[in-house]
């Protein structure tokens, strides 16, 4: 938000007038529970971070595992990364 604190609506924005009115907005923060899984791919087992809650599930492969597998098999990083994403989507 330009020139203001996050959560403060309407005051001191880019308007040219000096009359500033606004209200404090209240936001509730939600967190997702985090776990670690292992996914088997043609490049080996890759650890995956999983975050879920409030109807959302996200997966992210461990960078170091993907890099090591790509070096071990002499394939591009994204080839291994895509294989992990495909394996995760297939196991849901």
C-alpha atoms as a PDB file:
ATOM      1  CA  UNK A   1       0.000   0.000   0.000  1.00  0.00           C
ATOM      2  CA  UNK A   2       1.614   3.298  -1.014  1.00  0.00           C
ATOM      3  CA  UNK A   3       2.940   5.317   1.891  1.00  0.00           C
ATOM      4  CA  UNK A   4       0.837   3.620   4.547  1.00  0.00           C
ATOM      5  CA  UNK A   5       0.806   0.754   6.938  1.00  0.00           C
ATOM      6  CA  UNK A   6      -0.675  -2.553   5.866  1.00  0.00           C
ATOM      7  CA  UNK A   7      -4.241  -2.772   7.031  1.00  0.00           C
ATOM      8  CA  UNK A   8      -4.953   0.992   7.046  1.00  0.00           C
ATOM      9  CA  UNK A   9      -7.486   1.810   4.395  1.00  0.00           C
ATOM     10  CA  UNK A  10      -8.001   5.149   2.682  1.00  0.00           C
ATOM     11  CA  UNK A  11      -5.731   7.618   4.468  1.00  0.00           C
ATOM     12  CA  UNK A  12      -2.842   9.456   2.882  1.00  0.00           C
ATOM     13  CA  UNK A  13      -3.111   7.769  -0.464  1.00  0.00           C
ATOM     14  CA  UNK A  14      -2.260   9.283  -3.842  1.00  0.00           C
ATOM     15  CA  UNK A  15      -5.231  11.677  -3.899  1.00  0.00           C
ATOM     16  CA  UNK A  16      -4.617  15.408  -4.127  1.00  0.00           C
ATOM     17  CA  UNK A  17      -6.948  16.582  -1.355  1.00  0.00           C
ATOM     18  CA  UNK A  18      -5.960  17.051   2.266  1.00  0.00           C
ATOM     19  CA  UNK A  19      -9.063  15.535   3.822  1.00  0.00           C
ATOM     20  CA  UNK A  20      -7.953  12.108   4.998  1.00  0.00           C
ATOM     21  CA  UNK A  21     -10.513   9.700   6.366  1.00  0.00           C
ATOM     22  CA  UNK A  22     -10.085   6.040   6.921  1.00  0.00           C
ATOM     23  CA  UNK A  23     -10.845   3.142   9.177  1.00  0.00           C
ATOM     24  CA  UNK A  24      -8.591   0.543  10.665  1.00  0.00           C
ATOM     25  CA  UNK A  25      -9.316  -2.805   9.082  1.00  0.00           C
ATOM     26  CA  UNK A  26      -8.944  -6.000  11.053  1.00  0.00           C
ATOM     27  CA  UNK A  27      -7.434  -8.988   9.317  1.00  0.00           C
ATOM     28  CA  UNK A  28      -7.289 -12.513  10.593  1.00  0.00           C
ATOM     29  CA  UNK A  29      -4.249 -14.562   9.656  1.00  0.00           C
ATOM     30  CA  UNK A  30      -4.613 -18.216   8.806  1.00  0.00           C
ATOM     31  CA  UNK A  31      -1.711 -20.631   8.764  1.00  0.00           C
ATOM     32  CA  UNK A  32      -1.418 -23.981   7.071  1.00  0.00           C
ATOM     33  CA  UNK A  33      -0.143 -27.072   8.850  1.00  0.00           C
ATOM     34  CA  UNK A  34       3.160 -28.242   7.425  1.00  0.00           C
ATOM     35  CA  UNK A  35       4.416 -31.775   6.934  1.00  0.00           C
ATOM     36  CA  UNK A  36       7.073 -33.501   4.870  1.00  0.00           C
ATOM     37  CA  UNK A  37       6.475 -36.392   2.502  1.00  0.00           C
ATOM     38  CA  UNK A  38       8.656 -38.404   0.161  1.00  0.00           C
ATOM     39  CA  UNK A  39       7.657 -39.012  -3.442  1.00  0.00           C
ATOM     40  CA  UNK A  40       9.114 -41.775  -5.613  1.00  0.00           C
ATOM     41  CA  UNK A  41      10.061 -40.773  -9.149  1.00  0.00           C
ATOM     42  CA  UNK A  42      12.116 -42.308 -11.928  1.00  0.00           C
ATOM     43  CA  UNK A  43      14.972 -40.133 -10.595  1.00  0.00           C
ATOM     44  CA  UNK A  44      14.715 -41.491  -7.064  1.00  0.00           C
ATOM     45  CA  UNK A  45      12.949 -40.477  -3.888  1.00  0.00           C
ATOM     46  CA  UNK A  46      12.459 -36.724  -3.500  1.00  0.00           C
ATOM     47  CA  UNK A  47      11.353 -35.032  -0.277  1.00  0.00           C
ATOM     48  CA  UNK A  48       8.328 -32.759  -0.627  1.00  0.00           C
ATOM     49  CA  UNK A  49       7.051 -30.082   1.753  1.00  0.00           C
ATOM     50  CA  UNK A  50       3.274 -30.133   2.127  1.00  0.00           C
ATOM     51  CA  UNK A  51       1.137 -27.343   3.582  1.00  0.00           C
ATOM     52  CA  UNK A  52      -2.584 -27.822   4.058  1.00  0.00           C
ATOM     53  CA  UNK A  53      -5.593 -26.390   5.809  1.00  0.00           C
ATOM     54  CA  UNK A  54      -8.711 -24.303   5.185  1.00  0.00           C
ATOM     55  CA  UNK A  55      -9.424 -26.240   1.984  1.00  0.00           C
ATOM     56  CA  UNK A  56      -5.969 -25.609   0.497  1.00  0.00           C
ATOM     57  CA  UNK A  57      -3.144 -28.086  -0.115  1.00  0.00           C
ATOM     58  CA  UNK A  58       0.213 -26.992  -1.528  1.00  0.00           C
ATOM     59  CA  UNK A  59       3.297 -29.055  -2.357  1.00  0.00           C
ATOM     60  CA  UNK A  60       6.858 -27.931  -2.951  1.00  0.00           C
ATOM     61  CA  UNK A  61       9.742 -30.270  -3.802  1.00  0.00           C
ATOM     62  CA  UNK A  62      12.935 -29.872  -1.771  1.00  0.00           C
ATOM     63  CA  UNK A  63      15.367 -27.892  -3.905  1.00  0.00           C
ATOM     64  CA  UNK A  64      18.434 -29.828  -2.741  1.00  0.00           C
ATOM     65  CA  UNK A  65      16.848 -33.204  -3.556  1.00  0.00           C
ATOM     66  CA  UNK A  66      15.784 -32.075  -7.029  1.00  0.00           C
ATOM     67  CA  UNK A  67      19.232 -30.610  -7.724  1.00  0.00           C
ATOM     68  CA  UNK A  68      21.038 -33.753  -6.528  1.00  0.00           C
ATOM     69  CA  UNK A  69      18.801 -36.014  -8.628  1.00  0.00           C
ATOM     70  CA  UNK A  70      19.251 -33.851 -11.729  1.00  0.00           C
ATOM     71  CA  UNK A  71      23.042 -33.947 -11.312  1.00  0.00           C
ATOM     72  CA  UNK A  72      23.047 -37.689 -10.593  1.00  0.00           C
ATOM     73  CA  UNK A  73      21.006 -38.475 -13.715  1.00  0.00           C
ATOM     74  CA  UNK A  74      22.503 -35.693 -15.870  1.00  0.00           C
ATOM     75  CA  UNK A  75      19.114 -34.177 -16.717  1.00  0.00           C
ATOM     76  CA  UNK A  76      17.860 -30.608 -16.378  1.00  0.00           C
ATOM     77  CA  UNK A  77      16.555 -29.452 -12.994  1.00  0.00           C
ATOM     78  CA  UNK A  78      13.064 -28.800 -14.403  1.00  0.00           C
ATOM     79  CA  UNK A  79      12.847 -32.361 -15.755  1.00  0.00           C
ATOM     80  CA  UNK A  80      13.174 -33.748 -12.224  1.00  0.00           C
ATOM     81  CA  UNK A  81      10.969 -30.992 -10.760  1.00  0.00           C
ATOM     82  CA  UNK A  82       8.220 -31.793 -13.279  1.00  0.00           C
ATOM     83  CA  UNK A  83       8.490 -35.508 -12.504  1.00  0.00           C
ATOM     84  CA  UNK A  84       7.985 -34.727  -8.812  1.00  0.00           C
ATOM     85  CA  UNK A  85       4.959 -32.529  -9.492  1.00  0.00           C
ATOM     86  CA  UNK A  86       3.484 -35.251 -11.718  1.00  0.00           C
ATOM     87  CA  UNK A  87       4.059 -37.878  -9.011  1.00  0.00           C
ATOM     88  CA  UNK A  88       2.459 -35.666  -6.365  1.00  0.00           C
ATOM     89  CA  UNK A  89      -0.585 -34.968  -8.541  1.00  0.00           C
ATOM     90  CA  UNK A  90      -0.921 -38.686  -9.285  1.00  0.00           C
ATOM     91  CA  UNK A  91      -0.868 -39.615  -5.590  1.00  0.00           C
ATOM     92  CA  UNK A  92      -3.684 -37.277  -4.513  1.00  0.00           C
END
